[in-house]
């Protein structure tokens, strides 16, 4: 009975609405409801994807009426080609290069002529904000890296989970 109430509560939620705490706890501890919610979200993702239908090969069509209909559709410009999806390749070299340049720049600046002069003039009043800036920059860089390459991490974690 509790599962039915919780599942009804889940179905009553709007899309992207915050899930109530009690429902979250129930889904965490109930594998049946959790599996049902997971299946529903997978089905929703599949329905949201565009349907790709490849046009039939005109040479394989033997019916002259069907061939004439296909010719009329093509002549009217009502058909469009379905391109094969191109898998986007994530290039990690650029991210690695920028990360090395960022970290290298923050390590080189204190030892450069400008950095030594600023340390002599300002002392710790320069070094503390400089290292706070370094920490913020590395944190922002890491967040952008993970946020823009989240698909790579999700696929890798799914692969590791299936392999174990």
N, C-alpha and C. Protein backbone atom coordinates (compact mmCIF):
# COMPACT_ATOMS: atom_id res chain seq x y z
N UNK A 1 0.82 -1.19 0.00
CA UNK A 1 0.00 0.00 0.00
C UNK A 1 0.86 1.25 0.00
N UNK A 2 1.96 1.23 0.74
CA UNK A 2 2.84 2.38 0.80
C UNK A 2 3.47 2.63 -0.57
N UNK A 3 3.84 1.57 -1.27
CA UNK A 3 4.43 1.72 -2.60
C UNK A 3 3.43 2.36 -3.56
N UNK A 4 2.18 1.96 -3.48
CA UNK A 4 1.17 2.53 -4.37
C UNK A 4 1.01 4.03 -4.13
N UNK A 5 0.96 4.44 -2.86
CA UNK A 5 0.83 5.85 -2.54
C UNK A 5 2.04 6.64 -3.03
N UNK A 6 3.22 6.11 -2.80
CA UNK A 6 4.43 6.80 -3.20
C UNK A 6 4.54 6.88 -4.73
N UNK A 7 4.14 5.81 -5.41
CA UNK A 7 4.22 5.83 -6.87
C UNK A 7 3.20 6.81 -7.44
N UNK A 8 2.02 6.88 -6.84
CA UNK A 8 1.02 7.87 -7.27
C UNK A 8 1.54 9.28 -7.04
N UNK A 9 2.23 9.48 -5.92
CA UNK A 9 2.81 10.79 -5.63
C UNK A 9 3.87 11.15 -6.68
N UNK A 10 4.68 10.15 -7.07
CA UNK A 10 5.69 10.38 -8.09
C UNK A 10 5.05 10.72 -9.44
N UNK A 11 4.00 10.00 -9.80
CA UNK A 11 3.33 10.25 -11.08
C UNK A 11 2.61 11.60 -11.09
N UNK A 12 2.26 12.13 -9.93
CA UNK A 12 1.58 13.42 -9.85
C UNK A 12 2.56 14.59 -10.01
N UNK A 13 3.85 14.33 -9.92
CA UNK A 13 4.84 15.41 -10.05
C UNK A 13 4.91 15.90 -11.49
N UNK A 14 5.16 17.20 -11.63
CA UNK A 14 5.41 17.76 -12.95
C UNK A 14 6.84 17.44 -13.37
N UNK A 15 7.10 17.60 -14.66
CA UNK A 15 8.45 17.31 -15.15
C UNK A 15 9.44 18.30 -14.54
N UNK A 16 10.56 17.79 -14.09
CA UNK A 16 11.64 18.54 -13.45
C UNK A 16 11.22 19.19 -12.13
N UNK A 17 10.14 18.74 -11.56
CA UNK A 17 9.74 19.24 -10.24
C UNK A 17 10.57 18.53 -9.18
N UNK A 18 10.85 19.24 -8.11
CA UNK A 18 11.64 18.68 -7.02
C UNK A 18 10.89 17.51 -6.37
N UNK A 19 11.59 16.42 -6.19
CA UNK A 19 10.99 15.21 -5.59
C UNK A 19 10.96 15.41 -4.08
N UNK A 20 9.79 15.21 -3.45
CA UNK A 20 9.71 15.37 -1.99
C UNK A 20 10.65 14.42 -1.26
N UNK A 21 11.04 14.83 -0.06
CA UNK A 21 12.02 14.07 0.71
C UNK A 21 11.54 12.66 1.02
N UNK A 22 10.30 12.50 1.44
CA UNK A 22 9.79 11.17 1.80
C UNK A 22 9.77 10.25 0.59
N UNK A 23 9.45 10.80 -0.58
CA UNK A 23 9.46 10.00 -1.80
C UNK A 23 10.89 9.60 -2.16
N UNK A 24 11.83 10.50 -1.97
CA UNK A 24 13.24 10.19 -2.22
C UNK A 24 13.72 9.07 -1.31
N UNK A 25 13.36 9.14 -0.06
CA UNK A 25 13.75 8.09 0.90
C UNK A 25 13.13 6.77 0.49
N UNK A 26 11.85 6.79 0.09
CA UNK A 26 11.18 5.56 -0.32
C UNK A 26 11.86 4.96 -1.55
N UNK A 27 12.18 5.81 -2.54
CA UNK A 27 12.84 5.30 -3.74
C UNK A 27 14.24 4.77 -3.43
N UNK A 28 14.88 5.35 -2.44
CA UNK A 28 16.21 4.89 -2.06
C UNK A 28 16.17 3.49 -1.47
N UNK A 29 15.11 3.20 -0.70
CA UNK A 29 15.04 1.91 -0.01
C UNK A 29 14.17 0.87 -0.71
N UNK A 30 13.38 1.26 -1.71
CA UNK A 30 12.49 0.31 -2.38
C UNK A 30 13.00 0.01 -3.80
N UNK A 31 13.59 -1.17 -4.02
CA UNK A 31 14.14 -1.46 -5.34
C UNK A 31 13.06 -1.61 -6.43
N UNK A 32 11.87 -2.03 -6.07
CA UNK A 32 10.80 -2.20 -7.06
C UNK A 32 10.38 -0.85 -7.62
N UNK A 33 10.11 0.10 -6.73
CA UNK A 33 9.70 1.44 -7.18
C UNK A 33 10.85 2.13 -7.92
N UNK A 34 12.07 1.95 -7.42
CA UNK A 34 13.23 2.57 -8.06
C UNK A 34 13.40 2.04 -9.48
N UNK A 35 13.22 0.74 -9.67
CA UNK A 35 13.33 0.16 -11.01
C UNK A 35 12.22 0.68 -11.92
N UNK A 36 11.01 0.82 -11.39
CA UNK A 36 9.90 1.34 -12.20
C UNK A 36 10.15 2.78 -12.63
N UNK A 37 10.66 3.60 -11.70
CA UNK A 37 10.96 5.00 -12.04
C UNK A 37 12.08 5.05 -13.07
N UNK A 38 13.08 4.20 -12.93
CA UNK A 38 14.18 4.17 -13.89
C UNK A 38 13.68 3.76 -15.27
N UNK A 39 12.80 2.78 -15.33
CA UNK A 39 12.24 2.35 -16.62
C UNK A 39 11.41 3.46 -17.25
N UNK A 40 10.66 4.18 -16.44
CA UNK A 40 9.86 5.28 -16.97
C UNK A 40 10.74 6.39 -17.51
N UNK A 41 11.83 6.71 -16.82
CA UNK A 41 12.71 7.77 -17.32
C UNK A 41 13.43 7.33 -18.58
N UNK A 42 13.81 6.06 -18.67
CA UNK A 42 14.43 5.56 -19.91
C UNK A 42 13.44 5.59 -21.07
N UNK A 43 12.19 5.23 -20.80
CA UNK A 43 11.17 5.27 -21.85
C UNK A 43 10.91 6.70 -22.30
N UNK A 44 10.92 7.63 -21.36
CA UNK A 44 10.71 9.03 -21.71
C UNK A 44 11.85 9.55 -22.59
N UNK A 45 13.08 9.16 -22.28
CA UNK A 45 14.22 9.58 -23.09
C UNK A 45 14.12 9.01 -24.50
N UNK A 46 13.70 7.75 -24.60
CA UNK A 46 13.57 7.13 -25.92
C UNK A 46 12.48 7.80 -26.74
N UNK A 47 11.38 8.17 -26.11
CA UNK A 47 10.28 8.82 -26.82
C UNK A 47 10.68 10.23 -27.25
N UNK A 48 11.52 10.89 -26.45
CA UNK A 48 11.92 12.27 -26.76
C UNK A 48 12.90 12.34 -27.92
N UNK A 49 13.60 11.26 -28.23
CA UNK A 49 14.56 11.27 -29.33
C UNK A 49 13.81 11.28 -30.66
N UNK A 50 14.39 11.97 -31.65
CA UNK A 50 13.72 11.99 -32.96
C UNK A 50 13.75 10.60 -33.61
N UNK A 51 12.70 10.31 -34.30
CA UNK A 51 12.57 9.03 -34.98
C UNK A 51 13.36 9.10 -36.29
N UNK A 52 14.27 8.20 -36.47
CA UNK A 52 15.05 8.22 -37.70
C UNK A 52 14.64 7.03 -38.57
N UNK A 53 14.08 7.35 -39.71
CA UNK A 53 13.65 6.33 -40.64
C UNK A 53 14.45 6.51 -41.91
N UNK A 54 15.11 5.47 -42.32
CA UNK A 54 15.89 5.54 -43.55
C UNK A 54 14.96 5.29 -44.73
N UNK A 55 15.07 6.12 -45.76
CA UNK A 55 14.22 5.91 -46.92
C UNK A 55 14.57 4.59 -47.62
N UNK A 56 13.57 3.99 -48.18
CA UNK A 56 13.78 2.71 -48.86
C UNK A 56 14.61 2.91 -50.11
N UNK A 57 15.36 1.93 -50.44
CA UNK A 57 16.16 1.97 -51.66
C UNK A 57 15.21 1.88 -52.86
N UNK A 58 15.30 2.86 -53.73
CA UNK A 58 14.36 2.93 -54.86
C UNK A 58 14.55 1.75 -55.81
N UNK A 59 15.76 1.21 -55.86
CA UNK A 59 15.97 0.08 -56.77
C UNK A 59 15.31 -1.18 -56.27
N UNK A 60 15.07 -1.27 -54.95
CA UNK A 60 14.47 -2.47 -54.38
C UNK A 60 12.95 -2.47 -54.55
N UNK A 61 12.38 -1.30 -54.91
CA UNK A 61 10.92 -1.19 -55.06
C UNK A 61 10.54 -1.68 -56.46
N UNK A 62 9.69 -2.71 -56.50
CA UNK A 62 9.27 -3.29 -57.78
C UNK A 62 7.93 -2.72 -58.26
N UNK A 63 7.16 -2.15 -57.34
CA UNK A 63 5.82 -1.66 -57.67
C UNK A 63 5.92 -0.32 -58.39
N UNK A 64 5.37 -0.20 -59.62
CA UNK A 64 5.48 1.05 -60.37
C UNK A 64 4.67 2.19 -59.73
N UNK A 65 3.59 1.88 -59.07
CA UNK A 65 2.79 2.92 -58.42
C UNK A 65 3.57 3.51 -57.24
N UNK A 66 4.19 2.63 -56.47
CA UNK A 66 4.99 3.09 -55.34
C UNK A 66 6.20 3.90 -55.82
N UNK A 67 6.82 3.46 -56.90
CA UNK A 67 7.95 4.18 -57.47
C UNK A 67 7.52 5.57 -57.94
N UNK A 68 6.35 5.66 -58.59
CA UNK A 68 5.84 6.95 -59.05
C UNK A 68 5.54 7.86 -57.86
N UNK A 69 4.99 7.30 -56.78
CA UNK A 69 4.69 8.10 -55.59
C UNK A 69 5.97 8.63 -54.96
N UNK A 70 6.99 7.78 -54.88
CA UNK A 70 8.27 8.22 -54.32
C UNK A 70 8.88 9.31 -55.19
N UNK A 71 8.77 9.17 -56.52
CA UNK A 71 9.30 10.20 -57.43
C UNK A 71 8.60 11.52 -57.23
N UNK A 72 7.26 11.50 -57.04
CA UNK A 72 6.50 12.74 -56.82
C UNK A 72 6.91 13.39 -55.50
N UNK A 73 7.10 12.58 -54.49
CA UNK A 73 7.52 13.13 -53.18
C UNK A 73 8.89 13.77 -53.30
N UNK A 74 9.82 13.10 -53.98
CA UNK A 74 11.15 13.65 -54.14
C UNK A 74 11.13 14.91 -55.01
N UNK A 75 10.31 14.93 -56.06
CA UNK A 75 10.22 16.09 -56.94
C UNK A 75 9.62 17.29 -56.21
N UNK A 76 8.69 17.05 -55.30
CA UNK A 76 8.06 18.14 -54.56
C UNK A 76 8.97 18.68 -53.46
N UNK A 77 10.04 17.98 -53.18
CA UNK A 77 10.95 18.42 -52.12
C UNK A 77 10.42 18.16 -50.73
N UNK A 78 9.51 17.23 -50.60
CA UNK A 78 8.91 16.95 -49.29
C UNK A 78 9.70 15.93 -48.49
N UNK A 79 10.76 15.42 -49.04
CA UNK A 79 11.57 14.45 -48.30
C UNK A 79 12.90 15.11 -47.93
N UNK A 80 13.46 14.65 -46.91
CA UNK A 80 14.78 15.13 -46.51
C UNK A 80 15.59 13.92 -46.07
N UNK A 81 16.86 14.04 -46.26
CA UNK A 81 17.72 12.89 -45.98
C UNK A 81 17.95 12.77 -44.47
N UNK A 82 18.07 11.55 -44.05
CA UNK A 82 18.37 11.26 -42.66
C UNK A 82 19.84 10.95 -42.59
N UNK A 83 20.57 11.86 -41.96
CA UNK A 83 22.00 11.66 -41.84
C UNK A 83 22.30 10.70 -40.70
N UNK A 84 23.36 9.96 -40.87
CA UNK A 84 23.78 9.06 -39.80
C UNK A 84 24.32 9.91 -38.65
N UNK A 85 23.98 9.58 -37.43
CA UNK A 85 24.50 10.37 -36.31
C UNK A 85 26.01 10.24 -36.21
N UNK A 86 26.65 11.36 -36.00
CA UNK A 86 28.10 11.38 -35.88
C UNK A 86 28.43 11.46 -34.40
N UNK A 87 29.17 10.50 -33.93
CA UNK A 87 29.56 10.50 -32.52
C UNK A 87 30.59 11.59 -32.30
N UNK A 88 30.31 12.47 -31.35
CA UNK A 88 31.25 13.53 -31.04
C UNK A 88 32.39 12.94 -30.23
N UNK A 89 33.57 13.17 -30.71
CA UNK A 89 34.75 12.67 -30.02
C UNK A 89 35.24 13.74 -29.07
N UNK A 90 35.41 13.39 -27.82
CA UNK A 90 35.87 14.34 -26.83
C UNK A 90 37.39 14.38 -26.88
N UNK A 91 37.92 15.56 -27.18
CA UNK A 91 39.36 15.73 -27.24
C UNK A 91 39.84 16.22 -25.88
N UNK A 92 40.51 15.37 -25.17
CA UNK A 92 41.00 15.73 -23.85
C UNK A 92 42.35 16.44 -23.92
N UNK A 93 42.98 16.46 -25.09
CA UNK A 93 44.28 17.10 -25.23
C UNK A 93 44.20 18.59 -24.94
N UNK A 94 43.16 19.25 -25.45
CA UNK A 94 43.01 20.69 -25.23
C UNK A 94 42.78 20.99 -23.74
N UNK A 95 41.95 20.17 -23.10
CA UNK A 95 41.71 20.37 -21.68
C UNK A 95 43.00 20.16 -20.88
N UNK A 96 43.76 19.15 -21.24
CA UNK A 96 45.02 18.87 -20.56
C UNK A 96 46.00 20.02 -20.77
N UNK A 97 46.08 20.52 -22.00
CA UNK A 97 47.00 21.61 -22.31
C UNK A 97 46.64 22.87 -21.53
N UNK A 98 45.38 23.23 -21.51
CA UNK A 98 44.94 24.42 -20.77
C UNK A 98 45.19 24.25 -19.27
N UNK A 99 44.94 23.06 -18.75
CA UNK A 99 45.19 22.81 -17.33
C UNK A 99 46.65 22.94 -16.97
N UNK A 100 47.52 22.42 -17.83
CA UNK A 100 48.96 22.53 -17.59
C UNK A 100 49.39 23.99 -17.67
N UNK A 101 48.89 24.73 -18.66
CA UNK A 101 49.24 26.14 -18.78
C UNK A 101 48.72 26.95 -17.59
N UNK A 102 47.52 26.65 -17.13
CA UNK A 102 46.96 27.34 -15.97
C UNK A 102 47.80 27.09 -14.73
N UNK A 103 48.06 25.84 -14.44
CA UNK A 103 48.86 25.50 -13.25
C UNK A 103 50.29 26.01 -13.40
N UNK A 104 50.86 25.86 -14.59
CA UNK A 104 52.22 26.35 -14.82
C UNK A 104 52.32 27.85 -14.65
N UNK A 105 51.33 28.57 -15.14
CA UNK A 105 51.34 30.02 -14.99
C UNK A 105 51.29 30.44 -13.54
N UNK A 106 50.47 29.78 -12.75
CA UNK A 106 50.38 30.13 -11.34
C UNK A 106 51.63 29.73 -10.57
N UNK A 107 52.36 28.71 -11.05
CA UNK A 107 53.60 28.35 -10.37
C UNK A 107 54.76 29.22 -10.82
N UNK A 108 54.73 29.73 -12.04
CA UNK A 108 55.84 30.52 -12.58
C UNK A 108 55.75 31.98 -12.12
N UNK A 109 54.56 32.53 -12.00
CA UNK A 109 54.40 33.95 -11.68
C UNK A 109 55.13 34.35 -10.39
N UNK A 110 55.03 33.61 -9.28
CA UNK A 110 55.74 34.06 -8.07
C UNK A 110 57.26 34.08 -8.22
N UNK A 111 57.81 33.29 -9.15
CA UNK A 111 59.26 33.23 -9.32
C UNK A 111 59.76 34.11 -10.45
N UNK A 112 58.86 34.77 -11.15
CA UNK A 112 59.28 35.68 -12.23
C UNK A 112 59.73 37.00 -11.62
N UNK A 113 60.31 37.86 -12.45
CA UNK A 113 60.79 39.16 -11.96
C UNK A 113 59.63 39.98 -11.40
N UNK A 114 58.48 39.93 -12.08
CA UNK A 114 57.32 40.68 -11.61
C UNK A 114 56.83 40.11 -10.28
N UNK A 115 56.78 38.80 -10.16
CA UNK A 115 56.33 38.17 -8.92
C UNK A 115 57.24 38.47 -7.75
N UNK A 116 58.55 38.45 -7.99
CA UNK A 116 59.50 38.75 -6.91
C UNK A 116 59.36 40.21 -6.47
N UNK A 117 59.20 41.12 -7.42
CA UNK A 117 59.03 42.53 -7.08
C UNK A 117 57.74 42.75 -6.27
N UNK A 118 56.64 42.09 -6.71
CA UNK A 118 55.37 42.25 -6.00
C UNK A 118 55.47 41.68 -4.59
N UNK A 119 56.18 40.56 -4.41
CA UNK A 119 56.35 39.99 -3.08
C UNK A 119 57.16 40.92 -2.18
N UNK A 120 58.19 41.57 -2.72
CA UNK A 120 58.99 42.49 -1.93
C UNK A 120 58.20 43.74 -1.54
N UNK A 121 57.37 44.21 -2.46
CA UNK A 121 56.61 45.43 -2.20
C UNK A 121 55.42 45.19 -1.27
N UNK A 122 54.69 44.10 -1.52
CA UNK A 122 53.42 43.89 -0.81
C UNK A 122 53.47 42.75 0.22
N UNK A 123 54.39 41.86 0.12
CA UNK A 123 54.53 40.77 1.08
C UNK A 123 53.33 39.83 1.06
N UNK A 124 52.84 39.48 2.25
CA UNK A 124 51.72 38.54 2.35
C UNK A 124 50.41 39.12 1.84
N UNK A 125 50.31 40.43 1.77
CA UNK A 125 49.07 41.02 1.25
C UNK A 125 48.90 40.73 -0.23
N UNK A 126 49.96 40.26 -0.90
CA UNK A 126 49.84 39.80 -2.29
C UNK A 126 49.69 38.29 -2.35
N UNK A 127 50.43 37.58 -1.54
CA UNK A 127 50.49 36.12 -1.66
C UNK A 127 49.17 35.45 -1.28
N UNK A 128 48.51 35.91 -0.23
CA UNK A 128 47.26 35.27 0.19
C UNK A 128 46.18 35.41 -0.88
N UNK A 129 45.92 36.61 -1.40
CA UNK A 129 44.91 36.71 -2.48
C UNK A 129 45.33 35.96 -3.74
N UNK A 130 46.65 35.92 -4.00
CA UNK A 130 47.12 35.21 -5.19
C UNK A 130 46.78 33.72 -5.08
N UNK A 131 47.03 33.12 -3.94
CA UNK A 131 46.76 31.69 -3.79
C UNK A 131 45.26 31.41 -3.68
N UNK A 132 44.49 32.37 -3.17
CA UNK A 132 43.03 32.21 -3.19
C UNK A 132 42.53 32.24 -4.63
N UNK A 133 43.10 33.16 -5.43
CA UNK A 133 42.75 33.21 -6.86
C UNK A 133 43.14 31.91 -7.56
N UNK A 134 44.30 31.37 -7.22
CA UNK A 134 44.75 30.10 -7.79
C UNK A 134 43.75 28.98 -7.47
N UNK A 135 43.32 28.90 -6.22
CA UNK A 135 42.35 27.87 -5.83
C UNK A 135 41.02 28.04 -6.54
N UNK A 136 40.54 29.28 -6.66
CA UNK A 136 39.28 29.52 -7.37
C UNK A 136 39.39 29.17 -8.85
N UNK A 137 40.53 29.51 -9.46
CA UNK A 137 40.72 29.22 -10.88
C UNK A 137 40.76 27.71 -11.13
N UNK A 138 41.46 26.98 -10.28
CA UNK A 138 41.53 25.52 -10.45
C UNK A 138 40.16 24.89 -10.21
N UNK A 139 39.42 25.41 -9.24
CA UNK A 139 38.07 24.89 -8.97
C UNK A 139 37.14 25.17 -10.15
N UNK A 140 37.19 26.38 -10.69
CA UNK A 140 36.35 26.71 -11.85
C UNK A 140 36.74 25.87 -13.06
N UNK A 141 38.04 25.68 -13.27
CA UNK A 141 38.51 24.86 -14.39
C UNK A 141 38.01 23.42 -14.23
N UNK A 142 38.13 22.86 -13.05
CA UNK A 142 37.66 21.49 -12.81
C UNK A 142 36.16 21.37 -13.01
N UNK A 143 35.41 22.37 -12.53
CA UNK A 143 33.96 22.34 -12.72
C UNK A 143 33.56 22.42 -14.18
N UNK A 144 34.23 23.30 -14.93
CA UNK A 144 33.94 23.40 -16.37
C UNK A 144 34.33 22.12 -17.10
N UNK A 145 35.45 21.53 -16.73
CA UNK A 145 35.88 20.29 -17.37
C UNK A 145 34.87 19.17 -17.14
N UNK A 146 34.46 18.99 -15.91
CA UNK A 146 33.51 17.92 -15.60
C UNK A 146 32.14 18.23 -16.21
N UNK A 147 31.71 19.50 -16.13
CA UNK A 147 30.41 19.86 -16.67
C UNK A 147 30.31 19.71 -18.17
N UNK A 148 31.37 20.03 -18.89
CA UNK A 148 31.31 19.92 -20.34
C UNK A 148 31.59 18.52 -20.85
N UNK A 149 32.19 17.67 -20.04
CA UNK A 149 32.50 16.30 -20.45
C UNK A 149 31.75 15.27 -19.61
N UNK A 150 30.56 15.64 -19.13
CA UNK A 150 29.82 14.76 -18.22
C UNK A 150 29.44 13.45 -18.91
N UNK A 151 29.18 13.48 -20.20
CA UNK A 151 28.83 12.24 -20.91
C UNK A 151 29.97 11.24 -20.86
N UNK A 152 31.19 11.73 -20.98
CA UNK A 152 32.35 10.85 -20.92
C UNK A 152 32.42 10.15 -19.56
N UNK A 153 32.18 10.90 -18.48
CA UNK A 153 32.26 10.31 -17.15
C UNK A 153 31.10 9.34 -16.90
N UNK A 154 29.92 9.69 -17.37
CA UNK A 154 28.75 8.81 -17.19
C UNK A 154 28.98 7.50 -17.91
N UNK A 155 29.46 7.55 -19.15
CA UNK A 155 29.72 6.32 -19.90
C UNK A 155 30.80 5.49 -19.22
N UNK A 156 31.83 6.15 -18.73
CA UNK A 156 32.92 5.42 -18.10
C UNK A 156 32.44 4.74 -16.81
N UNK A 157 31.63 5.45 -16.00
CA UNK A 157 31.14 4.85 -14.78
C UNK A 157 30.18 3.71 -15.06
N UNK A 158 29.34 3.84 -16.11
CA UNK A 158 28.45 2.74 -16.47
C UNK A 158 29.24 1.54 -16.91
N UNK A 159 30.32 1.76 -17.66
CA UNK A 159 31.18 0.66 -18.11
C UNK A 159 31.83 -0.03 -16.93
N UNK A 160 32.33 0.77 -15.98
CA UNK A 160 32.96 0.18 -14.80
C UNK A 160 31.97 -0.58 -13.95
N UNK A 161 30.74 -0.08 -13.83
CA UNK A 161 29.72 -0.75 -13.02
C UNK A 161 29.31 -2.08 -13.65
N UNK A 162 29.21 -2.11 -14.97
CA UNK A 162 28.81 -3.34 -15.65
C UNK A 162 29.95 -4.36 -15.58
N UNK A 163 31.19 -3.90 -15.66
CA UNK A 163 32.32 -4.82 -15.69
C UNK A 163 32.55 -5.50 -14.34
N UNK A 164 32.19 -4.83 -13.25
CA UNK A 164 32.48 -5.43 -11.93
C UNK A 164 31.44 -6.43 -11.53
